[in-house]
Amino acid sequence: MKDDKKHDETITQIKQQIEMLLNDNSVPRNVKNALDEARKALSEEGSYSVRSSAATYKIDEISNDINLPPYARTVIWNILSLLESIKD
C-alpha cells in the first residue's frame, strides 16, 4: 500500500508536467498528441507498471523530435525518468 501512495504521487507529478507542456504554444501538435495519449494511459485502470509502460512508449517516441524546444525536451526526459521509477 505504501508503494501505491508513492506511485499515485509520482503519477500526479507526471500529469502536472504533461499538462504544463500541453498548455505551451511552442510545443508541436504531434508532441502534444503523444503527451495527451500518455496522460490518458496513466489515468486508466490497471497495474502501475502497465500504465507507466504504455505512457513511456508514447512519450519515448517523441523525446527526440527535432522540433521540440530544448526546455521541453528536458521536461520530457524528466517525465520518462519518473515513469521509469514506477514499478509494481
PDB file of N, CA and C in Angstrom:
ATOM      1  N   MET A   1       0.819  -1.205   0.000  1.00  0.00           N
ATOM      2  CA  MET A   1       0.000   0.000   0.000  1.00  0.00           C
ATOM      3  C   MET A   1       0.856   1.260   0.000  1.00  0.00           C
ATOM      4  N   LYS A   2       1.969   1.203   0.714  1.00  0.00           N
ATOM      5  CA  LYS A   2       2.838   2.368   0.769  1.00  0.00           C
ATOM      6  C   LYS A   2       3.338   2.731  -0.630  1.00  0.00           C
ATOM      7  N   ASP A   3       3.677   1.687  -1.414  1.00  0.00           N
ATOM      8  CA  ASP A   3       4.137   1.918  -2.783  1.00  0.00           C
ATOM      9  C   ASP A   3       3.030   2.528  -3.638  1.00  0.00           C
ATOM     10  N   ASP A   4       1.782   2.103  -3.416  1.00  0.00           N
ATOM     11  CA  ASP A   4       0.663   2.643  -4.182  1.00  0.00           C
ATOM     12  C   ASP A   4       0.553   4.148  -3.990  1.00  0.00           C
ATOM     13  N   LYS A   5       0.670   4.600  -2.767  1.00  0.00           N
ATOM     14  CA  LYS A   5       0.590   6.027  -2.465  1.00  0.00           C
ATOM     15  C   LYS A   5       1.729   6.769  -3.161  1.00  0.00           C
ATOM     16  N   LYS A   6       2.910   6.193  -3.103  1.00  0.00           N
ATOM     17  CA  LYS A   6       4.086   6.803  -3.743  1.00  0.00           C
ATOM     18  C   LYS A   6       3.879   6.865  -5.263  1.00  0.00           C
ATOM     19  N   HIS A   7       3.381   5.776  -5.843  1.00  0.00           N
ATOM     20  CA  HIS A   7       3.135   5.744  -7.286  1.00  0.00           C
ATOM     21  C   HIS A   7       2.065   6.758  -7.683  1.00  0.00           C
ATOM     22  N   ASP A   8       1.015   6.877  -6.873  1.00  0.00           N
ATOM     23  CA  ASP A   8      -0.038   7.850  -7.163  1.00  0.00           C
ATOM     24  C   ASP A   8       0.519   9.274  -7.152  1.00  0.00           C
ATOM     25  N   GLU A   9       1.389   9.566  -6.198  1.00  0.00           N
ATOM     26  CA  GLU A   9       2.005  10.893  -6.122  1.00  0.00           C
ATOM     27  C   GLU A   9       2.894  11.144  -7.336  1.00  0.00           C
ATOM     28  N   THR A  10       3.643  10.126  -7.751  1.00  0.00           N
ATOM     29  CA  THR A  10       4.511  10.259  -8.923  1.00  0.00           C
ATOM     30  C   THR A  10       3.673  10.491 -10.178  1.00  0.00           C
ATOM     31  N   ILE A  11       2.585   9.743 -10.322  1.00  0.00           N
ATOM     32  CA  ILE A  11       1.708   9.907 -11.489  1.00  0.00           C
ATOM     33  C   ILE A  11       1.093  11.304 -11.496  1.00  0.00           C
ATOM     34  N   THR A  12       0.704  11.809 -10.344  1.00  0.00           N
ATOM     35  CA  THR A  12       0.159  13.162 -10.244  1.00  0.00           C
ATOM     36  C   THR A  12       1.204  14.180 -10.702  1.00  0.00           C
ATOM     37  N   GLN A  13       2.423  13.990 -10.276  1.00  0.00           N
ATOM     38  CA  GLN A  13       3.521  14.875 -10.659  1.00  0.00           C
ATOM     39  C   GLN A  13       3.742  14.821 -12.181  1.00  0.00           C
ATOM     40  N   ILE A  14       3.723  13.627 -12.745  1.00  0.00           N
ATOM     41  CA  ILE A  14       3.904  13.452 -14.195  1.00  0.00           C
ATOM     42  C   ILE A  14       2.780  14.160 -14.946  1.00  0.00           C
ATOM     43  N   LYS A  15       1.539  13.974 -14.480  1.00  0.00           N
ATOM     44  CA  LYS A  15       0.392  14.600 -15.146  1.00  0.00           C
ATOM     45  C   LYS A  15       0.494  16.126 -15.115  1.00  0.00           C
ATOM     46  N   GLN A  16       1.005  16.678 -14.017  1.00  0.00           N
ATOM     47  CA  GLN A  16       1.180  18.130 -13.926  1.00  0.00           C
ATOM     48  C   GLN A  16       2.193  18.618 -14.956  1.00  0.00           C
ATOM     49  N   GLN A  17       3.274  17.873 -15.115  1.00  0.00           N
ATOM     50  CA  GLN A  17       4.295  18.260 -16.090  1.00  0.00           C
ATOM     51  C   GLN A  17       3.756  18.126 -17.523  1.00  0.00           C
ATOM     52  N   ILE A  18       2.987  17.059 -17.772  1.00  0.00           N
ATOM     53  CA  ILE A  18       2.369  16.884 -19.089  1.00  0.00           C
ATOM     54  C   ILE A  18       1.421  18.046 -19.364  1.00  0.00           C
ATOM     55  N   GLU A  19       0.624  18.399 -18.373  1.00  0.00           N
ATOM     56  CA  GLU A  19      -0.336  19.499 -18.511  1.00  0.00           C
ATOM     57  C   GLU A  19       0.372  20.801 -18.863  1.00  0.00           C
ATOM     58  N   MET A  20       1.502  21.051 -18.226  1.00  0.00           N
ATOM     59  CA  MET A  20       2.278  22.257 -18.488  1.00  0.00           C
ATOM     60  C   MET A  20       2.709  22.299 -19.967  1.00  0.00           C
ATOM     61  N   LEU A  21       3.186  21.153 -20.482  1.00  0.00           N
ATOM     62  CA  LEU A  21       3.614  21.099 -21.880  1.00  0.00           C
ATOM     63  C   LEU A  21       2.426  21.216 -22.846  1.00  0.00           C
ATOM     64  N   LEU A  22       1.289  20.635 -22.462  1.00  0.00           N
ATOM     65  CA  LEU A  22       0.095  20.714 -23.313  1.00  0.00           C
ATOM     66  C   LEU A  22      -0.394  22.158 -23.457  1.00  0.00           C
ATOM     67  N   ASN A  23      -0.157  22.964 -22.442  1.00  0.00           N
ATOM     68  CA  ASN A  23      -0.598  24.368 -22.460  1.00  0.00           C
ATOM     69  C   ASN A  23       0.432  25.311 -23.056  1.00  0.00           C
ATOM     70  N   ASP A  24       1.549  24.767 -23.530  1.00  0.00           N
ATOM     71  CA  ASP A  24       2.629  25.576 -24.078  1.00  0.00           C
ATOM     72  C   ASP A  24       2.479  25.670 -25.601  1.00  0.00           C
ATOM     73  N   ASN A  25       2.400  26.885 -26.111  1.00  0.00           N
ATOM     74  CA  ASN A  25       2.202  27.086 -27.551  1.00  0.00           C
ATOM     75  C   ASN A  25       3.421  26.732 -28.396  1.00  0.00           C
ATOM     76  N   SER A  26       4.601  26.615 -27.788  1.00  0.00           N
ATOM     77  CA  SER A  26       5.802  26.321 -28.574  1.00  0.00           C
ATOM     78  C   SER A  26       6.022  24.816 -28.770  1.00  0.00           C
ATOM     79  N   VAL A  27       5.193  24.004 -28.111  1.00  0.00           N
ATOM     80  CA  VAL A  27       5.308  22.544 -28.244  1.00  0.00           C
ATOM     81  C   VAL A  27       4.495  22.102 -29.466  1.00  0.00           C
ATOM     82  N   PRO A  28       5.122  21.370 -30.400  1.00  0.00           N
ATOM     83  CA  PRO A  28       4.427  20.941 -31.623  1.00  0.00           C
ATOM     84  C   PRO A  28       3.204  20.064 -31.341  1.00  0.00           C
ATOM     85  N   ARG A  29       2.252  20.108 -32.267  1.00  0.00           N
ATOM     86  CA  ARG A  29       0.989  19.387 -32.103  1.00  0.00           C
ATOM     87  C   ARG A  29       1.190  17.874 -31.966  1.00  0.00           C
ATOM     88  N   ASN A  30       2.107  17.293 -32.760  1.00  0.00           N
ATOM     89  CA  ASN A  30       2.314  15.843 -32.681  1.00  0.00           C
ATOM     90  C   ASN A  30       2.849  15.436 -31.297  1.00  0.00           C
ATOM     91  N   VAL A  31       3.651  16.308 -30.692  1.00  0.00           N
ATOM     92  CA  VAL A  31       4.167  16.050 -29.346  1.00  0.00           C
ATOM     93  C   VAL A  31       3.023  16.141 -28.340  1.00  0.00           C
ATOM     94  N   LYS A  32       2.172  17.144 -28.501  1.00  0.00           N
ATOM     95  CA  LYS A  32       1.020  17.296 -27.600  1.00  0.00           C
ATOM     96  C   LYS A  32       0.091  16.084 -27.697  1.00  0.00           C
ATOM     97  N   ASN A  33      -0.110  15.579 -28.921  1.00  0.00           N
ATOM     98  CA  ASN A  33      -0.967  14.409 -29.094  1.00  0.00           C
ATOM     99  C   ASN A  33      -0.403  13.206 -28.342  1.00  0.00           C
ATOM    100  N   ALA A  34       0.902  12.987 -28.459  1.00  0.00           N
ATOM    101  CA  ALA A  34       1.542  11.867 -27.763  1.00  0.00           C
ATOM    102  C   ALA A  34       1.472  12.056 -26.253  1.00  0.00           C
ATOM    103  N   LEU A  35       1.673  13.280 -25.787  1.00  0.00           N
ATOM    104  CA  LEU A  35       1.593  13.560 -24.349  1.00  0.00           C
ATOM    105  C   LEU A  35       0.176  13.328 -23.832  1.00  0.00           C
ATOM    106  N   ASP A  36      -0.816  13.717 -24.617  1.00  0.00           N
ATOM    107  CA  ASP A  36      -2.207  13.518 -24.220  1.00  0.00           C
ATOM    108  C   ASP A  36      -2.532  12.024 -24.137  1.00  0.00           C
ATOM    109  N   GLU A  37      -2.042  11.255 -25.095  1.00  0.00           N
ATOM    110  CA  GLU A  37      -2.245   9.800 -25.057  1.00  0.00           C
ATOM    111  C   GLU A  37      -1.564   9.189 -23.831  1.00  0.00           C
ATOM    112  N   ALA A  38      -0.381   9.682 -23.505  1.00  0.00           N
ATOM    113  CA  ALA A  38       0.336   9.179 -22.328  1.00  0.00           C
ATOM    114  C   ALA A  38      -0.440   9.507 -21.050  1.00  0.00           C
ATOM    115  N   ARG A  39      -0.985  10.721 -20.989  1.00  0.00           N
ATOM    116  CA  ARG A  39      -1.776  11.125 -19.816  1.00  0.00           C
ATOM    117  C   ARG A  39      -2.996  10.223 -19.663  1.00  0.00           C
ATOM    118  N   LYS A  40      -3.642   9.903 -20.783  1.00  0.00           N
ATOM    119  CA  LYS A  40      -4.809   9.016 -20.744  1.00  0.00           C
ATOM    120  C   LYS A  40      -4.407   7.616 -20.283  1.00  0.00           C
ATOM    121  N   ALA A  41      -3.253   7.143 -20.755  1.00  0.00           N
ATOM    122  CA  ALA A  41      -2.776   5.816 -20.356  1.00  0.00           C
ATOM    123  C   ALA A  41      -2.535   5.767 -18.849  1.00  0.00           C
ATOM    124  N   LEU A  42      -2.017   6.850 -18.287  1.00  0.00           N
ATOM    125  CA  LEU A  42      -1.765   6.897 -16.845  1.00  0.00           C
ATOM    126  C   LEU A  42      -3.065   6.943 -16.044  1.00  0.00           C
ATOM    127  N   SER A  43      -4.128   7.435 -16.654  1.00  0.00           N
ATOM    128  CA  SER A  43      -5.415   7.570 -15.954  1.00  0.00           C
ATOM    129  C   SER A  43      -6.257   6.307 -16.000  1.00  0.00           C
ATOM    130  N   GLU A  44      -5.879   5.352 -16.849  1.00  0.00           N
ATOM    131  CA  GLU A  44      -6.666   4.132 -16.990  1.00  0.00           C
ATOM    132  C   GLU A  44      -6.534   3.244 -15.761  1.00  0.00           C
ATOM    133  N   GLU A  45      -7.450   2.292 -15.684  1.00  0.00           N
ATOM    134  CA  GLU A  45      -7.382   1.288 -14.629  1.00  0.00           C
ATOM    135  C   GLU A  45      -6.296   0.279 -14.988  1.00  0.00           C
ATOM    136  N   GLY A  46      -5.782  -0.396 -13.984  1.00  0.00           N
ATOM    137  CA  GLY A  46      -4.783  -1.434 -14.245  1.00  0.00           C
ATOM    138  C   GLY A  46      -3.563  -1.248 -13.372  1.00  0.00           C
ATOM    139  N   SER A  47      -2.606  -2.130 -13.569  1.00  0.00           N
ATOM    140  CA  SER A  47      -1.412  -2.078 -12.725  1.00  0.00           C
ATOM    141  C   SER A  47      -0.565  -0.862 -13.081  1.00  0.00           C
ATOM    142  N   TYR A  48       0.219  -0.421 -12.121  1.00  0.00           N
ATOM    143  CA  TYR A  48       1.070   0.743 -12.323  1.00  0.00           C
ATOM    144  C   TYR A  48       2.095   0.495 -13.426  1.00  0.00           C
ATOM    145  N   SER A  49       2.647  -0.711 -13.461  1.00  0.00           N
ATOM    146  CA  SER A  49       3.690  -0.977 -14.454  1.00  0.00           C
ATOM    147  C   SER A  49       3.135  -0.964 -15.875  1.00  0.00           C
ATOM    148  N   VAL A  50       1.923  -1.475 -16.073  1.00  0.00           N
ATOM    149  CA  VAL A  50       1.317  -1.467 -17.404  1.00  0.00           C
ATOM    150  C   VAL A  50       1.015  -0.031 -17.831  1.00  0.00           C
ATOM    151  N   ARG A  51       0.440   0.740 -16.924  1.00  0.00           N
ATOM    152  CA  ARG A  51       0.112   2.129 -17.234  1.00  0.00           C
ATOM    153  C   ARG A  51       1.366   2.943 -17.525  1.00  0.00           C
ATOM    154  N   SER A  52       2.404   2.769 -16.711  1.00  0.00           N
ATOM    155  CA  SER A  52       3.630   3.537 -16.925  1.00  0.00           C
ATOM    156  C   SER A  52       4.346   3.089 -18.195  1.00  0.00           C
ATOM    157  N   SER A  53       4.287   1.799 -18.506  1.00  0.00           N
ATOM    158  CA  SER A  53       4.909   1.304 -19.739  1.00  0.00           C
ATOM    159  C   SER A  53       4.222   1.887 -20.970  1.00  0.00           C
ATOM    160  N   ALA A  54       2.902   1.928 -20.946  1.00  0.00           N
ATOM    161  CA  ALA A  54       2.154   2.498 -22.076  1.00  0.00           C
ATOM    162  C   ALA A  54       2.497   3.976 -22.250  1.00  0.00           C
ATOM    163  N   ALA A  55       2.554   4.699 -21.142  1.00  0.00           N
ATOM    164  CA  ALA A  55       2.893   6.126 -21.203  1.00  0.00           C
ATOM    165  C   ALA A  55       4.331   6.318 -21.679  1.00  0.00           C
ATOM    166  N   THR A  56       5.237   5.485 -21.190  1.00  0.00           N
ATOM    167  CA  THR A  56       6.639   5.574 -21.591  1.00  0.00           C
ATOM    168  C   THR A  56       6.766   5.370 -23.092  1.00  0.00           C
ATOM    169  N   TYR A  57       6.059   4.383 -23.610  1.00  0.00           N
ATOM    170  CA  TYR A  57       6.103   4.085 -25.040  1.00  0.00           C
ATOM    171  C   TYR A  57       5.682   5.304 -25.858  1.00  0.00           C
ATOM    172  N   LYS A  58       4.583   5.944 -25.463  1.00  0.00           N
ATOM    173  CA  LYS A  58       4.074   7.114 -26.186  1.00  0.00           C
ATOM    174  C   LYS A  58       5.058   8.285 -26.127  1.00  0.00           C
ATOM    175  N   ILE A  59       5.608   8.531 -24.947  1.00  0.00           N
ATOM    176  CA  ILE A  59       6.482   9.689 -24.769  1.00  0.00           C
ATOM    177  C   ILE A  59       7.860   9.442 -25.377  1.00  0.00           C
ATOM    178  N   ASP A  60       8.322   8.210 -25.302  1.00  0.00           N
ATOM    179  CA  ASP A  60       9.636   7.885 -25.849  1.00  0.00           C
ATOM    180  C   ASP A  60       9.692   8.174 -27.352  1.00  0.00           C
ATOM    181  N   GLU A  61       8.577   7.947 -28.038  1.00  0.00           N
ATOM    182  CA  GLU A  61       8.503   8.192 -29.479  1.00  0.00           C
ATOM    183  C   GLU A  61       8.810   9.639 -29.842  1.00  0.00           C
ATOM    184  N   ILE A  62       8.440  10.569 -28.988  1.00  0.00           N
ATOM    185  CA  ILE A  62       8.579  11.992 -29.314  1.00  0.00           C
ATOM    186  C   ILE A  62       9.735  12.669 -28.582  1.00  0.00           C
ATOM    187  N   SER A  63      10.448  11.930 -27.757  1.00  0.00           N
ATOM    188  CA  SER A  63      11.506  12.553 -26.947  1.00  0.00           C
ATOM    189  C   SER A  63      12.644  13.107 -27.790  1.00  0.00           C
ATOM    190  N   ASN A  64      12.805  12.610 -29.014  1.00  0.00           N
ATOM    191  CA  ASN A  64      13.879  13.095 -29.877  1.00  0.00           C
ATOM    192  C   ASN A  64      13.366  13.892 -31.071  1.00  0.00           C
ATOM    193  N   ASP A  65      12.140  14.380 -30.971  1.00  0.00           N
ATOM    194  CA  ASP A  65      11.562  15.185 -32.047  1.00  0.00           C
ATOM    195  C   ASP A  65      12.416  16.433 -32.264  1.00  0.00           C
ATOM    196  N   ILE A  66      12.820  16.676 -33.515  1.00  0.00           N
ATOM    197  CA  ILE A  66      13.719  17.804 -33.779  1.00  0.00           C
ATOM    198  C   ILE A  66      13.052  19.160 -33.582  1.00  0.00           C
ATOM    199  N   ASN A  67      11.721  19.203 -33.605  1.00  0.00           N
ATOM    200  CA  ASN A  67      11.003  20.466 -33.433  1.00  0.00           C
ATOM    201  C   ASN A  67      10.711  20.800 -31.968  1.00  0.00           C
ATOM    202  N   LEU A  68      11.171  19.953 -31.076  1.00  0.00           N
ATOM    203  CA  LEU A  68      10.902  20.141 -29.657  1.00  0.00           C
ATOM    204  C   LEU A  68      11.821  21.215 -29.074  1.00  0.00           C
ATOM    205  N   PRO A  69      11.260  22.219 -28.392  1.00  0.00           N
ATOM    206  CA  PRO A  69      12.117  23.218 -27.739  1.00  0.00           C
ATOM    207  C   PRO A  69      13.004  22.527 -26.692  1.00  0.00           C
ATOM    208  N   PRO A  70      14.242  23.011 -26.519  1.00  0.00           N
ATOM    209  CA  PRO A  70      15.189  22.344 -25.594  1.00  0.00           C
ATOM    210  C   PRO A  70      14.646  22.143 -24.173  1.00  0.00           C
ATOM    211  N   TYR A  71      13.986  23.167 -23.605  1.00  0.00           N
ATOM    212  CA  TYR A  71      13.478  23.007 -22.236  1.00  0.00           C
ATOM    213  C   TYR A  71      12.388  21.936 -22.183  1.00  0.00           C
ATOM    214  N   ALA A  72      11.582  21.835 -23.247  1.00  0.00           N
ATOM    215  CA  ALA A  72      10.510  20.835 -23.286  1.00  0.00           C
ATOM    216  C   ALA A  72      11.112  19.436 -23.344  1.00  0.00           C
ATOM    217  N   ARG A  73      12.211  19.286 -24.066  1.00  0.00           N
ATOM    218  CA  ARG A  73      12.909  18.003 -24.133  1.00  0.00           C
ATOM    219  C   ARG A  73      13.385  17.598 -22.733  1.00  0.00           C
ATOM    220  N   THR A  74      13.890  18.574 -21.984  1.00  0.00           N
ATOM    221  CA  THR A  74      14.341  18.313 -20.614  1.00  0.00           C
ATOM    222  C   THR A  74      13.175  17.858 -19.742  1.00  0.00           C
ATOM    223  N   VAL A  75      12.023  18.510 -19.878  1.00  0.00           N
ATOM    224  CA  VAL A  75      10.834  18.122 -19.112  1.00  0.00           C
ATOM    225  C   VAL A  75      10.417  16.703 -19.497  1.00  0.00           C
ATOM    226  N   ILE A  76      10.466  16.397 -20.782  1.00  0.00           N
ATOM    227  CA  ILE A  76      10.084  15.062 -21.255  1.00  0.00           C
ATOM    228  C   ILE A  76      11.041  14.005 -20.704  1.00  0.00           C
ATOM    229  N   TRP A  77      12.331  14.308 -20.691  1.00  0.00           N
ATOM    230  CA  TRP A  77      13.299  13.362 -20.112  1.00  0.00           C
ATOM    231  C   TRP A  77      13.018  13.153 -18.622  1.00  0.00           C
ATOM    232  N   ASN A  78      12.632  14.218 -17.942  1.00  0.00           N
ATOM    233  CA  ASN A  78      12.293  14.113 -16.524  1.00  0.00           C
ATOM    234  C   ASN A  78      11.049  13.235 -16.342  1.00  0.00           C
ATOM    235  N   ILE A  79      10.059  13.421 -17.212  1.00  0.00           N
ATOM    236  CA  ILE A  79       8.843  12.588 -17.160  1.00  0.00           C
ATOM    237  C   ILE A  79       9.213  11.121 -17.374  1.00  0.00           C
ATOM    238  N   LEU A  80      10.070  10.855 -18.359  1.00  0.00           N
ATOM    239  CA  LEU A  80      10.494   9.474 -18.627  1.00  0.00           C
ATOM    240  C   LEU A  80      11.212   8.879 -17.422  1.00  0.00           C
ATOM    241  N   SER A  81      12.019   9.690 -16.768  1.00  0.00           N
ATOM    242  CA  SER A  81      12.734   9.230 -15.565  1.00  0.00           C
ATOM    243  C   SER A  81      11.750   8.886 -14.461  1.00  0.00           C
ATOM    244  N   LEU A  82      10.739   9.726 -14.269  1.00  0.00           N
ATOM    245  CA  LEU A  82       9.717   9.460 -13.258  1.00  0.00           C
ATOM    246  C   LEU A  82       8.937   8.192 -13.602  1.00  0.00           C
ATOM    247  N   LEU A  83       8.600   8.033 -14.881  1.00  0.00           N
ATOM    248  CA  LEU A  83       7.869   6.824 -15.304  1.00  0.00           C
ATOM    249  C   LEU A  83       8.704   5.584 -15.038  1.00  0.00           C
ATOM    250  N   GLU A  84      10.001   5.690 -15.241  1.00  0.00           N
ATOM    251  CA  GLU A  84      10.900   4.559 -15.025  1.00  0.00           C
ATOM    252  C   GLU A  84      10.909   4.126 -13.545  1.00  0.00           C
ATOM    253  N   SER A  85      10.623   5.095 -12.661  1.00  0.00           N
ATOM    254  CA  SER A  85      10.650   4.781 -11.225  1.00  0.00           C
ATOM    255  C   SER A  85       9.401   4.030 -10.763  1.00  0.00           C
ATOM    256  N   ILE A  86       8.396   3.937 -11.639  1.00  0.00           N
ATOM    257  CA  ILE A  86       7.138   3.256 -11.281  1.00  0.00           C
ATOM    258  C   ILE A  86       7.231   1.781 -11.642  1.00  0.00           C
ATOM    259  N   LYS A  87       7.281   0.971 -10.648  1.00  0.00           N
ATOM    260  CA  LYS A  87       7.309  -0.487 -10.836  1.00  0.00           C
ATOM    261  C   LYS A  87       6.344  -1.109  -9.839  1.00  0.00           C
ATOM    262  N   ASP A  88       5.697  -2.184 -10.250  1.00  0.00           N
ATOM    263  CA  ASP A  88       4.793  -2.900  -9.316  1.00  0.00           C
ATOM    264  C   ASP A  88       5.588  -3.759  -8.370  1.00  0.00           C
TER     265      ASP A  88
END
